[in-house]
Amino acid sequence: MQNATPNPNPLENLEEWEDFLKERYPEGSQPTEDKPAFQATDPNKKESEFRNYELDARPTVREFYRLNHQFQSYDFGQAKRADFLKLERKKMTVWQAMEFLNTLVDESDPDTDLSQLQHLLQTAEHIRRDGHPRWFILTGLIHDLGKILCLFGEPQWAVVGDTFPVGCAFSNKIVFPKFFEANPDSQNPRFQTPLGIYEEGCGLDKVNLSWGHDEYLYQVVKDRLPAEGLAMIRYHSCYPVHREGEYDLFLTDEDRRLMEWVRKFNPYDLYTKSHEKPDVEKLRPFYEDLINEFLPGELRW
């Protein structure tokens, strides 16, 4: 029996969700030209060789997805957009926002003693070492800043987690699809067709995704970065689209081009964390200069 008042923050730390993603989408499983859409299972494997990621998931992760899938409805997302996208809560520079996010520290995490700021720098430094453009480096630095929603009192399931279209039928490729049975949209016939309230080929930017840190940060920095960087920010958690190849009926040719950039970014998001601490003060001048090039001054949050 579920508690009458469920814990809105079942994860022991936000990295639990990303750890689960690394198990579900192991390194080296990125799509290629020969395999444009990610296949979560290898068709050459025997049934006995498959790992059931849902069954093996930690109880905290299962509870996180249960809450996420139950409450991330179309109306919920619309209400959050109306609230948070007024961008009236704070005015901060990007570096100040990074320091603000740095207060989101979970001392119970046994796996790392790195701060949120150091995690951001790790991602950006790996992108920098691989010789990518300056806007790509900056995107890596800021991509998770939307997690400051947690510091505005939002529950984990409304901040992190795989994002997915709402206002249309839920794909069975979304992790833990059974949990959508408790979502009110599952009882609304208008939302339970493949197209739902949208038109074929309308473009992913016309489709409402479940609410979280991706969309929030995109709205804070939109029009300030190249389209490729903005797509990385807005869609990096949308695994049903960029890893499972779902919802293709909404995509334009430009969307498909941008998804290639999201897939280029994804390994830096998931696989660059280590126990090696970046030297924040040594790196700060380079990154403040980079910030001032694209996102100068105070931004509205």
Protein backbone atom coordinates (compact mmCIF):
# COMPACT_ATOMS: atom_id res chain seq x y z
CA MET A 1 0.00 0.00 0.00
CA GLN A 2 1.33 3.47 -0.92
CA ASN A 3 1.60 6.13 1.75
CA ALA A 4 -1.21 8.70 1.74
CA THR A 5 1.41 11.43 1.41
CA PRO A 6 4.21 10.09 -0.82
CA ASN A 7 7.75 11.29 -0.42
CA PRO A 8 8.23 13.86 -3.23
CA ASN A 9 11.99 13.26 -3.13
CA PRO A 10 12.58 9.50 -3.06
CA LEU A 11 16.06 9.63 -4.61
CA GLU A 12 18.89 9.71 -2.11
CA ASN A 13 20.63 12.17 -4.44
CA LEU A 14 19.96 13.47 -7.95
CA GLU A 15 22.82 11.41 -9.35
CA GLU A 16 20.78 8.24 -8.69
CA TRP A 17 18.70 9.02 -11.76
CA GLU A 18 21.80 9.52 -13.92
CA ASP A 19 23.33 6.30 -12.57
CA PHE A 20 20.19 4.48 -13.71
CA LEU A 21 20.49 6.06 -17.17
CA LYS A 22 24.08 4.84 -17.49
CA GLU A 23 22.88 1.29 -16.83
CA ARG A 24 19.99 1.56 -19.26
CA TYR A 25 22.02 3.33 -21.97
CA PRO A 26 25.59 2.08 -21.55
CA GLU A 27 28.51 3.93 -23.10
CA GLY A 28 29.05 2.92 -26.71
CA SER A 29 25.33 2.54 -27.45
CA GLN A 30 25.08 5.92 -29.18
CA PRO A 31 23.23 5.89 -32.51
CA THR A 32 25.29 6.11 -35.72
CA GLU A 33 24.48 6.62 -39.39
CA ASP A 34 24.10 2.86 -39.72
CA LYS A 35 21.96 2.70 -36.57
CA PRO A 36 20.15 6.07 -36.41
CA ALA A 37 17.80 5.19 -33.56
CA PHE A 38 19.04 3.68 -30.32
CA GLN A 39 18.07 0.05 -29.75
CA ALA A 40 17.74 -0.68 -26.05
CA THR A 41 18.09 -4.37 -26.82
CA ASP A 42 20.43 -6.18 -29.15
CA PRO A 43 18.31 -8.25 -31.60
CA ASN A 44 21.09 -10.87 -31.76
CA LYS A 45 20.97 -11.59 -28.03
CA LYS A 46 19.07 -14.49 -26.56
CA GLU A 47 16.19 -13.68 -24.26
CA SER A 48 18.11 -15.07 -21.27
CA GLU A 49 20.90 -12.51 -21.86
CA PHE A 50 18.73 -9.46 -21.54
CA ARG A 51 18.91 -7.44 -18.37
CA ASN A 52 15.62 -6.12 -17.03
CA TYR A 53 16.60 -2.57 -16.07
CA GLU A 54 13.22 -1.85 -14.57
CA LEU A 55 13.25 -4.95 -12.39
CA ASP A 56 16.85 -4.32 -11.26
CA ALA A 57 16.32 -0.63 -10.50
CA ARG A 58 16.72 0.54 -6.92
CA PRO A 59 13.44 0.99 -5.02
CA THR A 60 14.12 4.72 -4.76
CA VAL A 61 14.44 4.98 -8.55
CA ARG A 62 11.24 3.00 -9.10
CA GLU A 63 9.39 5.27 -6.67
CA PHE A 64 10.83 8.34 -8.38
CA TYR A 65 9.50 7.19 -11.76
CA ARG A 66 6.15 6.21 -10.25
CA LEU A 67 5.66 9.76 -8.99
CA ASN A 68 7.02 11.30 -12.19
CA HIS A 69 4.72 9.30 -14.44
CA GLN A 70 1.68 9.77 -12.23
CA PHE A 71 1.89 13.54 -11.91
CA GLN A 72 3.60 14.75 -15.11
CA SER A 73 0.38 15.42 -16.97
CA TYR A 74 -0.33 17.98 -19.69
CA ASP A 75 -2.13 20.30 -17.24
CA PHE A 76 0.67 19.97 -14.68
CA GLY A 77 3.25 21.09 -17.24
CA GLN A 78 1.11 24.01 -18.36
CA ALA A 79 0.72 25.19 -14.77
CA LYS A 80 4.47 24.99 -14.13
CA ARG A 81 5.22 26.94 -17.31
CA ALA A 82 2.77 29.65 -16.27
CA ASP A 83 4.44 29.84 -12.85
CA PHE A 84 8.18 29.49 -13.47
CA LEU A 85 8.50 30.99 -16.94
CA LYS A 86 7.59 34.41 -15.64
CA LEU A 87 11.28 34.27 -14.58
CA GLU A 88 10.60 36.43 -11.55
CA ARG A 89 12.32 34.50 -8.75
CA LYS A 90 15.91 35.76 -8.97
CA LYS A 91 18.33 37.77 -11.07
CA MET A 92 21.78 36.18 -11.29
CA THR A 93 24.76 35.94 -13.59
CA VAL A 94 25.50 32.45 -14.88
CA TRP A 95 28.42 32.09 -12.47
CA GLN A 96 26.20 33.19 -9.57
CA ALA A 97 23.63 30.61 -10.69
CA MET A 98 26.36 27.95 -10.63
CA GLU A 99 27.28 28.97 -7.09
CA PHE A 100 23.60 28.95 -6.14
CA LEU A 101 23.22 25.42 -7.54
CA ASN A 102 26.33 24.52 -5.57
CA THR A 103 24.27 24.84 -2.38
CA LEU A 104 22.33 21.78 -3.57
CA VAL A 105 24.68 19.33 -1.87
CA ASP A 106 23.64 15.91 -0.66
CA GLU A 107 25.95 14.86 2.14
CA SER A 108 24.41 11.38 2.14
CA ASP A 109 25.85 10.56 -1.27
CA PRO A 110 28.55 7.95 -0.58
CA ASP A 111 29.88 7.85 -4.14
CA THR A 112 31.29 11.32 -4.59
CA ASP A 113 32.38 14.35 -2.63
CA LEU A 114 32.27 16.65 -5.64
CA SER A 115 30.08 19.72 -5.65
CA GLN A 116 27.50 20.51 -8.31
CA LEU A 117 29.80 23.24 -9.65
CA GLN A 118 32.67 20.77 -10.01
CA HIS A 119 30.41 18.37 -11.90
CA LEU A 120 29.54 21.16 -14.36
CA LEU A 121 33.21 21.97 -14.83
CA GLN A 122 34.04 18.31 -15.43
CA THR A 123 31.54 18.13 -18.27
CA ALA A 124 32.75 21.37 -19.84
CA GLU A 125 36.43 20.45 -19.52
CA HIS A 126 35.96 17.16 -21.35
CA ILE A 127 34.18 18.98 -24.17
CA ARG A 128 36.96 21.57 -24.25
CA ARG A 129 39.70 18.90 -24.41
CA ASP A 130 37.99 17.33 -27.42
CA GLY A 131 38.28 20.59 -29.35
CA HIS A 132 34.62 21.50 -29.69
CA PRO A 133 33.45 25.09 -30.37
CA ARG A 134 33.22 27.58 -27.53
CA TRP A 135 29.41 27.56 -27.55
CA PHE A 136 29.51 23.75 -27.13
CA ILE A 137 31.81 24.11 -24.12
CA LEU A 138 29.49 26.69 -22.56
CA THR A 139 26.50 24.43 -23.16
CA GLY A 140 28.25 21.67 -21.23
CA LEU A 141 28.98 24.08 -18.41
CA ILE A 142 25.41 25.29 -17.96
CA HIS A 143 23.25 22.38 -19.14
CA ASP A 144 22.13 21.32 -15.65
CA LEU A 145 21.62 24.79 -14.14
CA GLY A 146 17.88 24.27 -14.39
CA LYS A 147 18.20 21.98 -11.38
CA ILE A 148 18.01 25.12 -9.27
CA LEU A 149 14.27 24.38 -9.44
CA CYS A 150 14.99 22.09 -6.48
CA LEU A 151 16.17 25.15 -4.57
CA PHE A 152 12.88 26.85 -5.40
CA GLY A 153 11.06 24.06 -3.57
CA GLU A 154 10.20 21.78 -6.49
CA PRO A 155 10.12 17.99 -5.87
CA GLN A 156 12.73 15.83 -7.60
CA TRP A 157 10.22 14.21 -9.96
CA ALA A 158 9.34 17.68 -11.34
CA VAL A 159 13.00 18.64 -11.90
CA VAL A 160 14.91 15.62 -13.21
CA GLY A 161 13.94 12.41 -14.98
CA ASP A 162 13.51 11.43 -18.62
CA THR A 163 11.31 13.95 -20.42
CA PHE A 164 8.63 12.91 -22.90
CA PRO A 165 5.79 14.47 -24.93
CA VAL A 166 2.51 15.10 -23.16
CA GLY A 167 -0.78 15.76 -24.90
CA CYS A 168 -0.46 12.54 -26.92
CA ALA A 169 -0.17 8.82 -26.21
CA PHE A 170 2.69 7.77 -23.96
CA SER A 171 5.23 5.59 -25.73
CA ASN A 172 5.85 2.13 -24.29
CA LYS A 173 9.57 2.83 -24.85
CA ILE A 174 9.53 5.32 -21.96
CA VAL A 175 11.02 3.68 -18.91
CA PHE A 176 8.44 2.18 -16.50
CA PRO A 177 5.49 2.77 -18.89
CA LYS A 178 3.13 0.87 -16.58
CA PHE A 179 3.23 3.79 -14.14
CA PHE A 180 1.40 6.01 -16.66
CA GLU A 181 -1.81 4.17 -15.81
CA ALA A 182 -2.16 6.50 -12.81
CA ASN A 183 -1.63 9.63 -14.93
CA PRO A 184 -4.94 11.47 -15.56
CA ASP A 185 -4.00 11.94 -19.22
CA SER A 186 -4.30 8.17 -19.66
CA GLN A 187 -8.05 8.58 -19.10
CA ASN A 188 -8.42 11.43 -21.61
CA PRO A 189 -9.17 10.10 -25.13
CA ARG A 190 -7.98 13.39 -26.62
CA PHE A 191 -4.47 12.67 -25.34
CA GLN A 192 -4.36 8.97 -26.19
CA THR A 193 -3.75 8.89 -29.93
CA PRO A 194 -0.28 8.93 -31.51
CA LEU A 195 -0.75 12.56 -32.60
CA GLY A 196 -2.91 13.70 -29.70
CA ILE A 197 -3.42 17.46 -29.86
CA TYR A 198 -0.61 17.96 -32.39
CA GLU A 199 -0.20 17.71 -36.15
CA GLU A 200 2.15 15.39 -38.00
CA GLY A 201 5.45 17.09 -38.79
CA CYS A 202 4.61 20.08 -36.58
CA GLY A 203 8.14 20.22 -35.15
CA LEU A 204 9.35 19.18 -31.71
CA ASP A 205 9.35 22.81 -30.54
CA LYS A 206 5.55 22.79 -30.94
CA VAL A 207 5.18 19.72 -28.73
CA ASN A 208 4.87 20.12 -24.97
CA LEU A 209 7.32 17.94 -23.06
CA SER A 210 7.02 16.90 -19.43
CA TRP A 211 8.21 19.68 -17.16
CA GLY A 212 11.73 19.78 -15.75
CA HIS A 213 15.13 21.41 -15.63
CA ASP A 214 15.73 21.13 -19.39
CA GLU A 215 12.79 23.26 -20.49
CA TYR A 216 13.30 25.72 -17.65
CA LEU A 217 16.93 26.47 -18.54
CA TYR A 218 16.11 26.60 -22.25
CA GLN A 219 13.60 29.36 -21.57
CA VAL A 220 16.15 31.28 -19.47
CA VAL A 221 18.85 31.27 -22.18
CA LYS A 222 16.90 30.97 -25.45
CA ASP A 223 18.03 33.26 -28.28
CA ARG A 224 21.47 33.53 -26.65
CA LEU A 225 23.12 30.36 -28.03
CA PRO A 226 23.21 28.60 -31.42
CA ALA A 227 20.26 26.34 -32.21
CA GLU A 228 22.46 23.28 -31.67
CA GLY A 229 23.35 24.32 -28.12
CA LEU A 230 19.75 25.19 -27.30
CA ALA A 231 18.63 21.76 -28.53
CA MET A 232 21.24 20.10 -26.28
CA ILE A 233 19.82 21.98 -23.30
CA ARG A 234 16.15 21.49 -24.13
CA TYR A 235 16.24 17.83 -25.19
CA HIS A 236 19.18 16.18 -23.41
CA SER A 237 16.79 14.34 -21.05
CA CYS A 238 14.34 13.40 -23.82
CA TYR A 239 15.62 9.85 -24.16
CA PRO A 240 12.44 8.55 -25.84
CA VAL A 241 13.24 10.78 -28.83
CA HIS A 242 17.02 10.92 -29.10
CA ARG A 243 17.81 7.40 -27.89
CA GLU A 244 14.71 5.31 -28.53
CA GLY A 245 13.69 6.91 -31.84
CA GLU A 246 10.11 7.48 -30.72
CA TYR A 247 7.72 10.30 -31.70
CA ASP A 248 9.32 10.60 -35.12
CA LEU A 249 5.96 11.63 -36.60
CA PHE A 250 6.38 15.05 -34.95
CA LEU A 251 9.91 15.72 -36.18
CA THR A 252 11.01 17.97 -39.02
CA ASP A 253 14.24 17.53 -40.95
CA GLU A 254 15.73 20.30 -38.80
CA ASP A 255 14.72 18.41 -35.65
CA ARG A 256 16.49 15.32 -36.92
CA ARG A 257 19.62 17.36 -37.61
CA LEU A 258 19.52 18.85 -34.12
CA MET A 259 19.04 15.41 -32.53
CA GLU A 260 22.44 14.47 -33.96
CA TRP A 261 23.94 17.26 -31.86
CA VAL A 262 22.00 16.13 -28.79
CA ARG A 263 23.44 12.65 -29.29
CA LYS A 264 26.95 14.12 -29.61
CA PHE A 265 26.43 15.87 -26.30
CA ASN A 266 24.90 12.95 -24.41
CA PRO A 267 28.15 11.06 -23.60
CA TYR A 268 29.60 14.20 -22.03
CA ASP A 269 26.48 14.50 -19.88
CA LEU A 270 26.56 10.90 -18.59
CA TYR A 271 30.12 9.63 -18.77
CA THR A 272 32.50 12.44 -17.74
CA LYS A 273 32.01 12.39 -13.98
CA SER A 274 34.95 11.20 -11.91
CA HIS A 275 36.43 11.72 -8.46
CA GLU A 276 39.11 14.03 -9.86
CA LYS A 277 38.31 17.53 -8.62
CA PRO A 278 38.59 20.40 -11.10
CA ASP A 279 40.48 23.44 -9.80
CA VAL A 280 37.61 25.91 -9.71
CA GLU A 281 39.66 29.05 -9.11
CA LYS A 282 42.17 28.16 -11.81
CA LEU A 283 39.42 27.50 -14.37
CA ARG A 284 37.17 30.40 -13.38
CA PRO A 285 38.79 33.14 -15.56
CA PHE A 286 38.40 31.04 -18.73
CA TYR A 287 34.78 30.22 -18.01
CA GLU A 288 33.79 33.71 -16.88
CA ASP A 289 35.21 35.00 -20.18
CA LEU A 290 33.20 32.34 -22.03
CA ILE A 291 30.04 33.25 -20.14
CA ASN A 292 30.50 36.94 -20.90
CA GLU A 293 30.83 36.15 -24.60
CA PHE A 294 27.41 34.51 -24.86
CA LEU A 295 25.44 35.21 -21.65
CA PRO A 296 26.73 38.48 -20.18
CA GLY A 297 25.25 40.19 -17.15
CA GLU A 298 22.39 39.08 -14.96
CA LEU A 299 19.77 36.72 -16.31
CA ARG A 300 16.23 36.38 -15.05
CA TRP A 301 15.48 33.09 -13.30
